[in-house]
Protein backbone atom coordinates (compact mmCIF):
# COMPACT_ATOMS: atom_id res chain seq x y z
CA UNK A 1 17.45 33.29 -180.50
CA UNK A 2 17.72 32.30 -176.85
CA UNK A 3 16.37 34.33 -173.96
CA UNK A 4 19.98 35.12 -173.06
CA UNK A 5 20.60 36.54 -176.52
CA UNK A 6 17.44 38.63 -176.28
CA UNK A 7 18.39 40.18 -172.92
CA UNK A 8 19.63 43.78 -173.23
CA UNK A 9 23.36 44.17 -172.77
CA UNK A 10 24.51 46.23 -169.79
CA UNK A 11 25.82 49.59 -170.91
CA UNK A 12 29.18 50.63 -169.54
CA UNK A 13 29.21 53.92 -167.69
CA UNK A 14 31.67 56.55 -168.86
CA UNK A 15 34.03 58.28 -166.42
CA UNK A 16 31.31 60.77 -165.43
CA UNK A 17 28.75 58.06 -164.72
CA UNK A 18 26.62 58.23 -167.86
CA UNK A 19 25.69 55.18 -169.92
CA UNK A 20 26.77 56.65 -173.25
CA UNK A 21 30.00 57.54 -175.04
CA UNK A 22 31.84 60.67 -173.92
CA UNK A 23 31.24 62.19 -177.36
CA UNK A 24 27.50 62.08 -176.68
CA UNK A 25 27.88 63.55 -173.16
CA UNK A 26 27.81 67.34 -172.96
CA UNK A 27 29.65 68.84 -169.99
CA UNK A 28 29.68 72.47 -168.96
CA UNK A 29 33.01 73.15 -167.26
CA UNK A 30 33.04 76.03 -164.79
CA UNK A 31 36.30 77.84 -165.54
CA UNK A 32 37.73 80.45 -163.15
CA UNK A 33 41.04 80.78 -164.98
CA UNK A 34 43.00 78.81 -162.38
CA UNK A 35 44.89 75.56 -162.80
CA UNK A 36 42.23 73.28 -161.26
CA UNK A 37 39.26 74.28 -163.39
CA UNK A 38 41.48 74.50 -166.48
CA UNK A 39 42.69 70.93 -165.98
CA UNK A 40 39.12 69.68 -165.51
CA UNK A 41 37.99 71.23 -168.80
CA UNK A 42 41.07 70.12 -170.73
CA UNK A 43 41.16 66.54 -169.45
CA UNK A 44 37.46 66.04 -170.19
CA UNK A 45 37.98 67.37 -173.71
CA UNK A 46 40.91 64.99 -174.17
CA UNK A 47 38.70 62.10 -173.03
CA UNK A 48 36.32 62.96 -175.84
CA UNK A 49 33.52 64.75 -173.99
CA UNK A 50 31.47 67.52 -175.60
CA UNK A 51 32.89 70.29 -173.40
CA UNK A 52 31.55 73.82 -173.14
CA UNK A 53 33.59 76.20 -170.97
CA UNK A 54 31.80 78.91 -169.02
CA UNK A 55 33.45 81.69 -167.02
CA UNK A 56 31.44 84.06 -164.87
CA UNK A 57 32.50 87.70 -164.87
CA UNK A 58 31.93 88.45 -161.19
CA UNK A 59 33.60 91.79 -160.48
CA UNK A 60 35.91 94.49 -161.90
CA UNK A 61 34.07 94.40 -165.22
CA UNK A 62 36.39 95.25 -168.09
CA UNK A 63 39.52 95.44 -165.93
CA UNK A 64 42.21 93.38 -167.63
CA UNK A 65 44.47 93.33 -164.61
CA UNK A 66 46.35 90.53 -162.94
CA UNK A 67 45.59 90.42 -159.22
CA UNK A 68 47.51 87.68 -157.39
CA UNK A 69 45.13 85.36 -155.59
CA UNK A 70 42.08 86.52 -157.53
CA UNK A 71 39.77 84.72 -159.96
CA UNK A 72 36.85 85.41 -162.28
CA UNK A 73 38.09 88.83 -163.40
CA UNK A 74 40.68 90.44 -165.64
CA UNK A 75 43.53 88.21 -166.82
CA UNK A 76 41.94 85.10 -165.31
CA UNK A 77 39.13 85.30 -167.85
CA UNK A 78 41.70 85.54 -170.64
CA UNK A 79 43.54 82.53 -169.16
CA UNK A 80 40.34 80.46 -169.30
CA UNK A 81 39.73 81.52 -172.89
CA UNK A 82 43.28 80.52 -173.90
CA UNK A 83 42.74 77.03 -172.48
CA UNK A 84 39.51 76.66 -174.46
CA UNK A 85 41.19 77.88 -177.66
CA UNK A 86 44.15 75.53 -177.20
CA UNK A 87 41.93 72.48 -176.55
CA UNK A 88 39.35 73.36 -179.18
CA UNK A 89 36.09 73.75 -177.28
CA UNK A 90 33.68 76.71 -177.08
CA UNK A 91 34.01 79.16 -174.20
CA UNK A 92 31.52 81.74 -172.96
CA UNK A 93 31.91 84.61 -170.50
CA UNK A 94 28.71 85.58 -168.68
CA UNK A 95 28.33 88.91 -166.89
CA UNK A 96 27.14 88.05 -163.38
CA UNK A 97 28.63 91.08 -161.68
CA UNK A 98 25.31 92.50 -160.49
CA UNK A 99 24.14 89.14 -159.12
CA UNK A 100 27.50 88.54 -157.42
CA UNK A 101 27.50 91.99 -155.83
CA UNK A 102 24.02 91.47 -154.38
CA UNK A 103 24.29 87.81 -153.29
CA UNK A 104 27.92 87.73 -152.16
CA UNK A 105 29.64 91.11 -151.75
CA UNK A 106 26.78 92.94 -150.03
CA UNK A 107 26.09 89.93 -147.82
CA UNK A 108 29.82 89.98 -146.96
CA UNK A 109 29.64 93.63 -145.87
CA UNK A 110 26.39 93.25 -143.92
CA UNK A 111 27.65 90.13 -142.13
CA UNK A 112 30.76 91.95 -140.92
CA UNK A 113 28.73 94.94 -139.77
CA UNK A 114 26.45 92.58 -137.83
CA UNK A 115 29.45 91.39 -135.82
CA UNK A 116 29.83 88.06 -137.63
CA UNK A 117 32.61 86.61 -139.79
CA UNK A 118 31.40 85.75 -143.32
CA UNK A 119 32.52 83.03 -145.73
CA UNK A 120 31.84 84.56 -149.15
CA UNK A 121 33.13 81.47 -151.00
CA UNK A 122 30.25 79.41 -149.58
CA UNK A 123 27.70 82.07 -150.51
CA UNK A 124 29.16 82.19 -154.02
CA UNK A 125 28.88 78.41 -154.44
CA UNK A 126 25.42 78.44 -152.87
CA UNK A 127 23.98 81.15 -155.10
CA UNK A 128 25.90 82.20 -158.19
CA UNK A 129 27.85 79.06 -159.09
CA UNK A 130 25.74 76.04 -158.16
CA UNK A 131 22.35 77.68 -158.56
CA UNK A 132 22.66 80.14 -161.42
CA UNK A 133 25.43 78.37 -163.34
CA UNK A 134 23.59 75.06 -163.03
CA UNK A 135 20.59 76.69 -164.70
CA UNK A 136 22.85 77.93 -167.52
CA UNK A 137 24.31 74.44 -167.97
CA UNK A 138 20.84 72.94 -168.21
CA UNK A 139 19.82 75.58 -170.77
CA UNK A 140 22.86 74.57 -172.84
CA UNK A 141 21.64 70.96 -172.83
CA UNK A 142 24.48 69.70 -170.64
CA UNK A 143 24.29 66.37 -168.87
CA UNK A 144 26.29 67.77 -165.95
CA UNK A 145 28.29 70.69 -164.59
CA UNK A 146 31.95 69.96 -163.76
CA UNK A 147 34.09 72.04 -161.40
CA UNK A 148 37.65 71.97 -160.10
CA UNK A 149 36.72 71.54 -156.42
CA UNK A 150 38.64 69.00 -154.36
CA UNK A 151 35.70 66.95 -153.13
CA UNK A 152 34.41 63.52 -154.10
CA UNK A 153 30.95 62.65 -155.38
CA UNK A 154 29.99 59.04 -154.85
CA UNK A 155 26.86 57.11 -155.75
CA UNK A 156 25.15 55.68 -152.68
CA UNK A 157 22.04 53.63 -151.98
CA UNK A 158 19.89 56.78 -151.95
CA UNK A 159 21.64 58.73 -154.69
CA UNK A 160 24.70 60.95 -154.96
CA UNK A 161 26.75 61.57 -151.81
CA UNK A 162 29.36 64.23 -151.03
CA UNK A 163 32.66 62.95 -149.60
CA UNK A 164 35.94 64.47 -148.54
CA UNK A 165 38.75 64.69 -151.10
CA UNK A 166 41.39 61.99 -151.25
CA UNK A 167 44.01 64.71 -150.59
CA UNK A 168 43.07 65.85 -147.08
CA UNK A 169 45.27 68.95 -147.37
CA UNK A 170 43.18 70.21 -150.32
CA UNK A 171 39.72 69.09 -149.17
CA UNK A 172 37.08 71.75 -149.89
CA UNK A 173 33.95 70.08 -148.51
CA UNK A 174 33.67 72.77 -145.82
CA UNK A 175 32.87 75.28 -148.57
CA UNK A 176 30.31 73.02 -150.26
CA UNK A 177 28.14 72.08 -147.26
CA UNK A 178 25.20 74.06 -148.68
CA UNK A 179 25.10 71.98 -151.88
CA UNK A 180 21.60 70.53 -152.27
CA UNK A 181 20.70 66.97 -153.25
CA UNK A 182 19.44 68.17 -156.62
CA UNK A 183 22.67 70.07 -157.30
CA UNK A 184 24.80 67.12 -156.17
CA UNK A 185 23.03 64.85 -158.64
CA UNK A 186 24.01 67.22 -161.46
CA UNK A 187 27.54 68.16 -160.38
CA UNK A 188 30.79 66.33 -161.11
CA UNK A 189 34.18 66.83 -159.41
CA UNK A 190 36.88 65.09 -161.51
CA UNK A 191 39.78 66.18 -159.26
CA UNK A 192 38.38 64.79 -155.99
CA UNK A 193 40.56 61.68 -156.07
CA UNK A 194 43.80 63.42 -157.04
CA UNK A 195 46.55 65.17 -155.06
CA UNK A 196 47.30 68.72 -156.18
CA UNK A 197 50.74 67.63 -157.41
CA UNK A 198 49.09 65.30 -159.94
CA UNK A 199 46.76 68.08 -161.08
CA UNK A 200 49.76 70.29 -161.86
CA UNK A 201 51.46 67.38 -163.62
CA UNK A 202 48.34 66.96 -165.76
CA UNK A 203 48.39 70.66 -166.58
CA UNK A 204 51.97 70.34 -167.83
CA UNK A 205 51.12 67.19 -169.76
CA UNK A 206 48.20 68.97 -171.41
CA UNK A 207 50.44 71.93 -172.25
CA UNK A 208 48.41 74.44 -170.25
CA UNK A 209 50.05 77.79 -169.57
CA UNK A 210 48.40 77.93 -166.14
CA UNK A 211 50.32 74.85 -164.91
CA UNK A 212 52.48 76.83 -162.48
CA UNK A 213 49.89 79.43 -161.54
CA UNK A 214 49.73 79.82 -157.73
CA UNK A 215 46.61 78.84 -155.81
CA UNK A 216 44.17 81.55 -154.79
CA UNK A 217 44.77 82.58 -151.19
CA UNK A 218 42.56 85.62 -150.65
CA UNK A 219 38.88 86.30 -151.12
CA UNK A 220 38.59 86.91 -154.87
CA UNK A 221 37.20 90.45 -154.60
CA UNK A 222 39.59 91.34 -151.74
CA UNK A 223 42.93 90.23 -153.23
CA UNK A 224 44.95 92.62 -151.02
CA UNK A 225 43.33 91.29 -147.84
CA UNK A 226 41.89 94.67 -146.81
CA UNK A 227 38.27 93.65 -146.39
CA UNK A 228 37.56 96.79 -144.36
CA UNK A 229 38.00 98.83 -147.55
CA UNK A 230 35.33 96.75 -149.30
CA UNK A 231 32.90 97.18 -146.40
CA UNK A 232 33.52 100.93 -146.34
CA UNK A 233 32.98 101.12 -150.10
CA UNK A 234 29.73 99.14 -150.01
CA UNK A 235 28.38 100.65 -146.79
CA UNK A 236 29.95 104.12 -146.47
CA UNK A 237 29.70 105.59 -142.98
CA UNK A 238 28.46 102.34 -141.45
CA UNK A 239 31.68 101.58 -139.55
CA UNK A 240 31.29 103.15 -136.11
CA UNK A 241 33.57 103.37 -133.05
CA UNK A 242 32.72 101.86 -129.70
CA UNK A 243 34.10 100.36 -126.50
CA UNK A 244 36.31 97.37 -125.76
CA UNK A 245 34.78 95.71 -122.71
CA UNK A 246 36.04 92.86 -120.54
CA UNK A 247 33.67 89.94 -119.88
CA UNK A 248 33.59 91.10 -116.24
CA UNK A 249 32.21 94.50 -117.30
CA UNK A 250 35.36 96.62 -117.19
CA UNK A 251 35.79 99.12 -120.03
CA UNK A 252 39.28 98.48 -121.40
CA UNK A 253 39.45 101.04 -124.18
CA UNK A 254 38.00 102.30 -127.45
CA UNK A 255 37.92 100.86 -130.98
CA UNK A 256 37.31 102.36 -134.43
CA UNK A 257 34.91 99.65 -135.68
CA UNK A 258 34.00 96.06 -134.79
CA UNK A 259 34.82 94.91 -138.33
CA UNK A 260 38.49 95.25 -137.37
CA UNK A 261 38.13 92.33 -134.96
CA UNK A 262 37.36 88.62 -135.15
CA UNK A 263 36.50 86.11 -132.44
CA UNK A 264 39.68 84.51 -131.11
CA UNK A 265 41.90 87.47 -132.04
CA UNK A 266 44.67 88.33 -129.59
CA UNK A 267 47.03 90.75 -131.31
CA UNK A 268 46.17 94.24 -132.45
CA UNK A 269 43.50 94.92 -129.83
CA UNK A 270 44.87 98.39 -129.14
CA UNK A 271 44.78 98.02 -125.37
CA UNK A 272 47.66 97.56 -122.93
CA UNK A 273 47.08 95.22 -120.01
CA UNK A 274 49.14 92.92 -117.88
CA UNK A 275 47.17 89.88 -119.03
CA UNK A 276 46.73 88.18 -122.41
CA UNK A 277 43.28 89.03 -123.74
CA UNK A 278 41.29 87.57 -126.62
CA UNK A 279 38.21 88.71 -128.52
CA UNK A 280 35.42 86.57 -127.09
CA UNK A 281 32.38 88.16 -128.73
CA UNK A 282 31.35 91.03 -131.00
CA UNK A 283 28.27 92.93 -129.82
CA UNK A 284 27.24 94.83 -132.95
CA UNK A 285 24.03 96.23 -131.46
CA UNK A 286 25.99 98.06 -128.78
CA UNK A 287 29.16 98.54 -130.85
CA UNK A 288 31.18 96.63 -128.25
CA UNK A 289 34.13 94.28 -128.58
CA UNK A 290 34.03 91.81 -125.68
CA UNK A 291 37.40 90.48 -124.52
CA UNK A 292 38.44 87.93 -121.94
CA UNK A 293 40.92 85.24 -120.98
CA UNK A 294 41.64 82.24 -123.18
CA UNK A 295 39.36 80.15 -120.99
CA UNK A 296 36.46 82.37 -122.08
CA UNK A 297 36.92 81.30 -125.71
CA UNK A 298 35.83 77.70 -125.21
CA UNK A 299 32.47 76.93 -126.86
CA UNK A 300 30.41 73.79 -126.31
CA UNK A 301 27.01 74.69 -127.79
CA UNK A 302 26.44 76.19 -131.23
CA UNK A 303 23.09 77.41 -132.60
CA UNK A 304 22.66 77.10 -136.37
CA UNK A 305 20.47 78.56 -139.10
CA UNK A 306 19.83 77.64 -142.74
CA UNK A 307 20.78 74.02 -142.10
CA UNK A 308 21.26 71.81 -145.16
CA UNK A 309 21.02 68.05 -144.53
CA UNK A 310 22.37 65.80 -147.32
CA UNK A 311 22.88 62.64 -145.27
CA UNK A 312 20.53 59.70 -145.30
CA UNK A 313 16.87 60.41 -145.94
CA UNK A 314 14.78 60.89 -142.78
CA UNK A 315 11.04 61.21 -142.26
CA UNK A 316 11.54 64.22 -139.98
CA UNK A 317 14.32 66.21 -138.37
CA UNK A 318 13.43 64.64 -135.02
CA UNK A 319 15.12 61.43 -136.17
CA UNK A 320 18.44 63.28 -136.15
CA UNK A 321 18.16 64.46 -132.56
CA UNK A 322 21.13 63.10 -130.62
CA UNK A 323 22.87 61.91 -133.80
CA UNK A 324 26.63 61.59 -133.30
CA UNK A 325 28.68 63.39 -135.93
CA UNK A 326 32.03 64.97 -136.54
CA UNK A 327 31.84 68.75 -136.88
CA UNK A 328 34.24 71.19 -138.52
CA UNK A 329 33.80 74.77 -137.29
CA UNK A 330 36.58 76.37 -139.35
CA UNK A 331 37.90 75.38 -142.78
CA UNK A 332 41.43 74.98 -141.42
CA UNK A 333 40.46 72.75 -138.48
CA UNK A 334 39.91 68.99 -138.38
CA UNK A 335 36.41 67.67 -137.64
CA UNK A 336 35.77 67.00 -133.93
CA UNK A 337 33.23 64.75 -132.15
CA UNK A 338 29.83 66.23 -131.40
CA UNK A 339 26.14 65.43 -131.51
CA UNK A 340 23.13 67.16 -132.98
CA UNK A 341 20.39 68.61 -130.81
CA UNK A 342 17.14 69.40 -132.58
CA UNK A 343 14.30 70.97 -130.68
CA UNK A 344 13.91 74.71 -130.68
CA UNK A 345 16.13 74.94 -133.75
CA UNK A 346 19.32 73.11 -134.69
CA UNK A 347 22.23 72.99 -132.25
CA UNK A 348 25.61 71.28 -132.19
CA UNK A 349 26.86 70.02 -128.83
CA UNK A 350 30.64 69.60 -128.86
CA UNK A 351 32.26 66.83 -126.84
CA UNK A 352 35.25 69.08 -126.09
CA UNK A 353 35.19 72.92 -126.10
CA UNK A 354 36.42 74.61 -129.29
CA UNK A 355 38.05 78.04 -129.35
CA UNK A 356 37.41 80.89 -131.75
CA UNK A 357 34.02 79.71 -133.01
CA UNK A 358 32.53 82.73 -134.73
CA UNK A 359 28.96 83.53 -135.81
CA UNK A 360 28.84 83.84 -139.58
CA UNK A 361 31.12 80.86 -140.09
CA UNK A 362 29.80 77.37 -140.82
CA UNK A 363 29.51 74.15 -138.83
CA UNK A 364 29.81 71.23 -141.24
CA UNK A 365 28.71 67.70 -140.29
CA UNK A 366 30.62 64.54 -141.25
CA UNK A 367 29.84 60.89 -140.72
CA UNK A 368 32.10 59.54 -137.92
CA UNK A 369 32.65 56.25 -139.76
CA UNK A 370 33.34 57.42 -143.30
CA UNK A 371 34.37 60.42 -145.39
CA UNK A 372 30.78 61.41 -146.14
CA UNK A 373 29.51 64.97 -145.64
CA UNK A 374 26.12 64.98 -143.92
CA UNK A 375 25.40 68.68 -144.28
CA UNK A 376 25.88 71.76 -142.18
CA UNK A 377 24.57 75.17 -141.23
CA UNK A 378 25.55 78.77 -140.58
CA UNK A 379 26.66 79.54 -137.02
CA UNK A 380 24.12 81.91 -135.49
CA UNK A 381 25.33 82.08 -131.88
CA UNK A 382 27.51 80.20 -129.40
CA UNK A 383 27.55 79.40 -125.70
CA UNK A 384 30.76 79.39 -123.73
CA UNK A 385 31.77 76.34 -121.76
CA UNK A 386 32.05 78.71 -118.76
CA UNK A 387 28.44 79.91 -119.01
C-alpha cells in the first residue's frame, strides 16, 4: 500500500455542510405553518435528512381560528402538522405561550409605553426561537436547526457568517441582527439563495397545501393591526393623555396617548395648522408628543444599546471605532453609509441625515464591500441634524 492509498479520503459535505449522508444528519425544522418553513421541512425530508418538525404554540392557546397574517397559533399549527404527516416525519407542538408573553408581548407593550417603537419579531428570534428552540433541537440530538428565513449563512475564515438573501426584496437580515455567533454556527437557512417565486414553485412541486398561502403582513399576535388594544389589554390604565408640543415650545393640542403616534408620522395628529407637521419625538416621561417641520426629522447621530457584533473577530471594541459601514435603520429602507463611534457607548454617525429614525427600532450594520451582516443594536436615542 502506498502512502497515497493510506491517506484518508476527503469526505463530501452534504447540502447542510456536514460530512455525512443526509440520512445520518438530524435536522429540527422550525415550522410556523407558513409556506416558507413548510418548504424547508419538506425539501430536507425529500433530500433524505432525518427531519423533526417543531412548532411553537405562542399565543391564543387552543384557538383553532384562521387569522390572516398570523402564525404559530390556531390553523397554522394544523397546517404544519399536515405537512409533516404528508411528508412522513415526526412533528411536535410545544407550548411556549407563557415565555412568549413575557419575552415578546410584554416587552412590546412596555416599549410602546416608554415612547419607543418595538420590533417584536426581532425579540422573538432573539429569545424564543433562536435561544429556546435551539436548546430543544440540541436536546433532540439534532445537528442543526433549519428555518425559513430569507438570509444566507456562509462559511468564512473565522466561522459562519450572516449574509443578505439573494432576493433583495425578501431579505430578512434586519430581523436577525441579534443572532449570536454560537447560534449562527448551529442554524441553517435553506431558502436564502432562492427567490420567493421559486419557493412557491417548490411548494407546488412537493404537493403542499400551503403553496398559495399569503405571506404574513402583521405582527403575529396583532393580526388586525390594532396594537393599541394589545397594550391596553396587557397594561390596563397605562395609556394616558397629554400635550402635543411644537419643537419651539408651543402647545398645539391634546392627545389620548403617545402609543397612538410614531416618529415620522404626519397624518392623524389631531391638530389643525397651516403648516405640515411631523412627529419628531415622543417624550413618555412628560406624556408629550413633540412635532415639528420635516427638517426637524433628520437624524445624524444614533445611540445604541445591546449591540451584537458578528463581524470579524476583534481584540476590543476600540478597534471598531471609526469603522465605515452601511446601516439600515428601518426594515423597509436600504442600508446607507455611516461609521461607528465607540467611546461612551456605541453610536452610529450617518453620512447623510435619515428621517423617521425611532428609538426601539434597530440599526443593523453591513459590510460596505459585500453582503455580510456585521451586527447591530437597538436604537436608544437620536440627535437631530439641526441640533
